[in-house]
Amino acid sequence: MFIVGIDPGVTGCVSVINKDGELVRHFMLPFRAEGDKRPVVDVCEIVNEIGRLTGDITIYVEQVGFMGLGAETSAFTSSILSAIYNRIIGAIEVKGYKYKTVTPRKWQNVIIEKKEESEEEKTLKLDTTKKGKRKLKAFRRKNIKNAVKQFCLDNYPDYCKNEIKETTSIKREGVYDSIAIATYGYKDYHEDDV
């Protein structure tokens, strides 16, 4: 039995956890050139890699949507993320794999330990201007990324130390997210057994 977690994005990643809850591998989303256009996610390579696993496979894919980065950036970024997400889901369905989609908030609520608001966050909440709201959103996003990274380092220390060190810092975020999504999937899969 394998649980696969997919963080679909330009720096997205696929992580695999086995039946014993061990993180066994990860790989960055592969992209290929398509004529003169911007590179597209190579879904054939993704399903071929997943197909090398033997036994029962359940895939958890993070849902993508509006990211709240600002009007122009959001529309452009959302269209790219939606295209990647839709290609991955289509390939998974064509291959007949079992899969579930999960919102970032849902997997983060299971993975990240709840903490009290910091003084900095309380101060940022007082500024209700657009700029203040953007700062608060960025602050929270950074805290989530740091918490996900720490979760991975705490729960898979040897793997993270030995296997992720060569990845650039921006790509590491995708690796950590996919590990956390796979971990969420592992917990969700076993919760269904109860």
Protein backbone atom coordinates (compact mmCIF):
# COMPACT_ATOMS: atom_id res chain seq x y z
CA MET A 1 0.00 0.00 0.00
CA PHE A 2 1.27 3.45 -0.92
CA ILE A 3 -0.03 6.93 -0.30
CA VAL A 4 1.05 9.54 -2.82
CA GLY A 5 0.89 13.25 -2.02
CA ILE A 6 1.00 15.74 -4.87
CA ASP A 7 1.62 19.47 -4.53
CA PRO A 8 0.69 20.74 -8.01
CA GLY A 9 2.58 23.86 -8.91
CA VAL A 10 5.51 25.21 -10.86
CA THR A 11 7.77 24.04 -8.03
CA GLY A 12 5.45 21.17 -7.14
CA CYS A 13 6.45 17.74 -6.01
CA VAL A 14 5.22 14.18 -5.54
CA SER A 15 5.97 12.28 -2.31
CA VAL A 16 5.31 8.64 -1.47
CA ILE A 17 4.63 7.07 1.93
CA ASN A 18 4.48 3.28 2.36
CA LYS A 19 2.09 1.15 4.45
CA ASP A 20 4.30 1.58 7.50
CA GLY A 21 4.11 5.38 7.34
CA GLU A 22 7.69 5.73 6.05
CA LEU A 23 8.54 8.36 3.49
CA VAL A 24 10.13 6.34 0.70
CA ARG A 25 10.67 8.82 -2.12
CA HIS A 26 9.85 12.12 -3.71
CA PHE A 27 10.34 13.69 -7.11
CA MET A 28 9.79 17.15 -8.47
CA LEU A 29 6.98 17.60 -10.97
CA PRO A 30 8.54 17.03 -14.38
CA PHE A 31 7.98 19.61 -17.11
CA ARG A 32 8.56 19.37 -20.85
CA ALA A 33 8.72 21.93 -23.63
CA GLU A 34 5.74 22.10 -25.94
CA GLY A 35 6.73 23.99 -29.07
CA ASP A 36 7.27 27.71 -28.53
CA LYS A 37 4.93 27.75 -25.55
CA ARG A 38 5.82 27.77 -21.87
CA PRO A 39 6.74 24.30 -20.49
CA VAL A 40 3.87 22.06 -19.39
CA VAL A 41 3.74 19.46 -16.66
CA ASP A 42 4.68 16.03 -18.02
CA VAL A 43 1.78 13.96 -16.67
CA CYS A 44 2.96 10.86 -18.53
CA GLU A 45 6.16 10.90 -16.50
CA ILE A 46 4.20 11.39 -13.27
CA VAL A 47 1.88 8.42 -13.86
CA ASN A 48 4.82 6.31 -15.07
CA GLU A 49 6.67 7.02 -11.81
CA ILE A 50 3.55 6.25 -9.75
CA GLY A 51 3.01 3.10 -11.86
CA ARG A 52 6.35 1.73 -10.63
CA LEU A 53 4.80 1.32 -7.19
CA THR A 54 3.25 -2.07 -6.52
CA GLY A 55 0.08 -2.72 -4.56
CA ASP A 56 -2.78 -0.50 -3.53
CA ILE A 57 -2.15 3.17 -4.38
CA THR A 58 -4.20 6.15 -3.20
CA ILE A 59 -3.26 9.62 -4.38
CA TYR A 60 -3.97 12.87 -2.54
CA VAL A 61 -3.78 16.00 -4.66
CA GLU A 62 -3.87 19.50 -3.24
CA GLN A 63 -6.71 21.55 -4.69
CA VAL A 64 -5.62 24.80 -6.24
CA GLY A 65 -7.58 28.00 -6.34
CA PHE A 66 -7.38 31.71 -5.79
CA MET A 67 -4.25 32.57 -3.84
CA GLY A 68 -4.98 36.21 -3.00
CA LEU A 69 -1.71 37.61 -4.36
CA GLY A 70 -3.18 40.68 -6.07
CA ALA A 71 -5.49 40.94 -9.08
CA GLU A 72 -3.03 40.56 -11.97
CA THR A 73 -0.69 38.09 -10.30
CA SER A 74 -3.54 35.98 -9.02
CA ALA A 75 -5.25 35.56 -12.38
CA PHE A 76 -1.98 34.61 -14.08
CA THR A 77 -0.78 32.33 -11.28
CA SER A 78 -4.21 30.73 -10.86
CA SER A 79 -4.40 29.91 -14.57
CA ILE A 80 -1.00 28.19 -14.49
CA LEU A 81 -1.82 26.27 -11.30
CA SER A 82 -5.24 25.28 -12.61
CA ALA A 83 -3.71 23.97 -15.83
CA ILE A 84 -1.17 21.87 -13.91
CA TYR A 85 -3.83 20.61 -11.48
CA ASN A 86 -6.29 19.71 -14.25
CA ARG A 87 -3.65 17.84 -16.27
CA ILE A 88 -2.61 15.83 -13.20
CA ILE A 89 -6.20 14.97 -12.24
CA GLY A 90 -6.97 13.99 -15.85
CA ALA A 91 -3.96 11.67 -16.03
CA ILE A 92 -4.81 10.07 -12.68
CA GLU A 93 -8.39 9.45 -13.81
CA VAL A 94 -7.30 7.99 -17.16
CA LYS A 95 -4.97 5.57 -15.35
CA GLY A 96 -7.78 4.62 -12.95
CA TYR A 97 -5.95 5.42 -9.72
CA LYS A 98 -7.94 6.07 -6.55
CA TYR A 99 -7.54 9.68 -5.55
CA LYS A 100 -8.86 12.40 -3.31
CA THR A 101 -8.45 16.13 -3.53
CA VAL A 102 -7.72 18.10 -0.40
CA THR A 103 -7.72 21.83 0.25
CA PRO A 104 -4.59 23.40 1.70
CA ARG A 105 -6.53 24.48 4.77
CA LYS A 106 -7.74 20.92 5.42
CA TRP A 107 -4.35 19.22 5.27
CA GLN A 108 -2.67 22.09 7.12
CA ASN A 109 -5.20 21.87 9.96
CA VAL A 110 -4.28 18.20 10.44
CA ILE A 111 -0.51 18.60 10.02
CA ILE A 112 0.23 21.93 11.71
CA GLU A 113 0.00 22.21 15.46
CA LYS A 114 -2.28 25.05 16.55
CA LYS A 115 -0.52 27.88 18.34
CA GLU A 116 -1.68 31.04 20.02
CA GLU A 117 -1.40 34.26 18.06
CA SER A 118 1.97 35.92 18.42
CA GLU A 119 2.26 39.56 19.43
CA GLU A 120 3.43 40.36 15.91
CA GLU A 121 0.30 38.81 14.41
CA LYS A 122 -1.92 40.67 16.87
CA THR A 123 -0.24 43.93 15.90
CA LEU A 124 -0.63 43.21 12.18
CA LYS A 125 -4.34 42.48 12.67
CA LEU A 126 -4.85 46.02 13.97
CA ASP A 127 -3.96 47.51 10.56
CA THR A 128 -7.17 47.10 8.54
CA THR A 129 -5.89 48.87 5.40
CA LYS A 130 -5.32 46.87 2.21
CA LYS A 131 -1.58 47.06 2.77
CA GLY A 132 -2.02 45.89 6.36
CA LYS A 133 -4.17 42.96 5.27
CA ARG A 134 -1.57 41.95 2.67
CA LYS A 135 1.15 42.07 5.34
CA LEU A 136 -0.93 39.89 7.65
CA LYS A 137 -1.63 37.40 4.85
CA ALA A 138 2.09 37.24 3.97
CA PHE A 139 3.00 36.81 7.64
CA ARG A 140 0.55 33.92 8.03
CA ARG A 141 1.71 32.30 4.77
CA LYS A 142 5.32 32.44 5.96
CA ASN A 143 4.36 30.91 9.33
CA ILE A 144 2.51 28.08 7.57
CA LYS A 145 5.50 27.34 5.32
CA ASN A 146 7.83 27.32 8.34
CA ALA A 147 5.48 25.06 10.31
CA VAL A 148 5.18 22.59 7.41
CA LYS A 149 8.96 22.50 7.03
CA GLN A 150 9.39 21.90 10.76
CA PHE A 151 6.77 19.13 10.68
CA CYS A 152 8.72 17.36 7.93
CA LEU A 153 12.06 17.80 9.69
CA ASP A 154 10.59 16.49 12.95
CA ASN A 155 8.75 13.50 11.45
CA TYR A 156 11.14 12.45 8.68
CA PRO A 157 14.53 13.74 9.91
CA ASP A 158 16.78 11.20 8.18
CA TYR A 159 14.95 11.44 4.88
CA CYS A 160 14.92 15.24 4.94
CA LYS A 161 18.59 15.39 5.92
CA ASN A 162 19.77 12.92 3.28
CA GLU A 163 17.34 13.34 0.38
CA ILE A 164 16.21 16.97 0.30
CA LYS A 165 19.46 18.83 0.92
CA GLU A 166 20.29 19.21 -2.80
CA THR A 167 16.98 20.89 -3.62
CA THR A 168 16.88 24.68 -3.98
CA SER A 169 15.03 26.52 -1.22
CA ILE A 170 12.06 27.51 -3.41
CA LYS A 171 11.63 23.91 -4.57
CA ARG A 172 11.97 22.66 -1.01
CA GLU A 173 8.64 24.31 -0.20
CA GLY A 174 6.97 22.06 -2.79
CA VAL A 175 8.79 19.03 -1.39
CA TYR A 176 7.72 19.79 2.17
CA ASP A 177 4.13 20.47 1.08
CA SER A 178 3.93 17.18 -0.85
CA ILE A 179 5.33 15.29 2.15
CA ALA A 180 2.74 16.92 4.40
CA ILE A 181 -0.05 16.14 1.89
CA ALA A 182 1.08 12.49 1.74
CA THR A 183 1.16 12.38 5.55
CA TYR A 184 -2.33 13.83 5.67
CA GLY A 185 -3.36 11.16 3.16
CA TYR A 186 -1.81 8.41 5.27
CA LYS A 187 -3.77 9.60 8.31
CA ASP A 188 -6.98 10.00 6.32
CA TYR A 189 -6.58 6.56 4.70
CA HIS A 190 -6.17 4.87 8.08
CA GLU A 191 -9.00 6.89 9.59
CA ASP A 192 -11.26 5.36 6.91
CA ASP A 193 -10.22 1.88 8.16
CA VAL A 194 -11.54 2.54 11.68
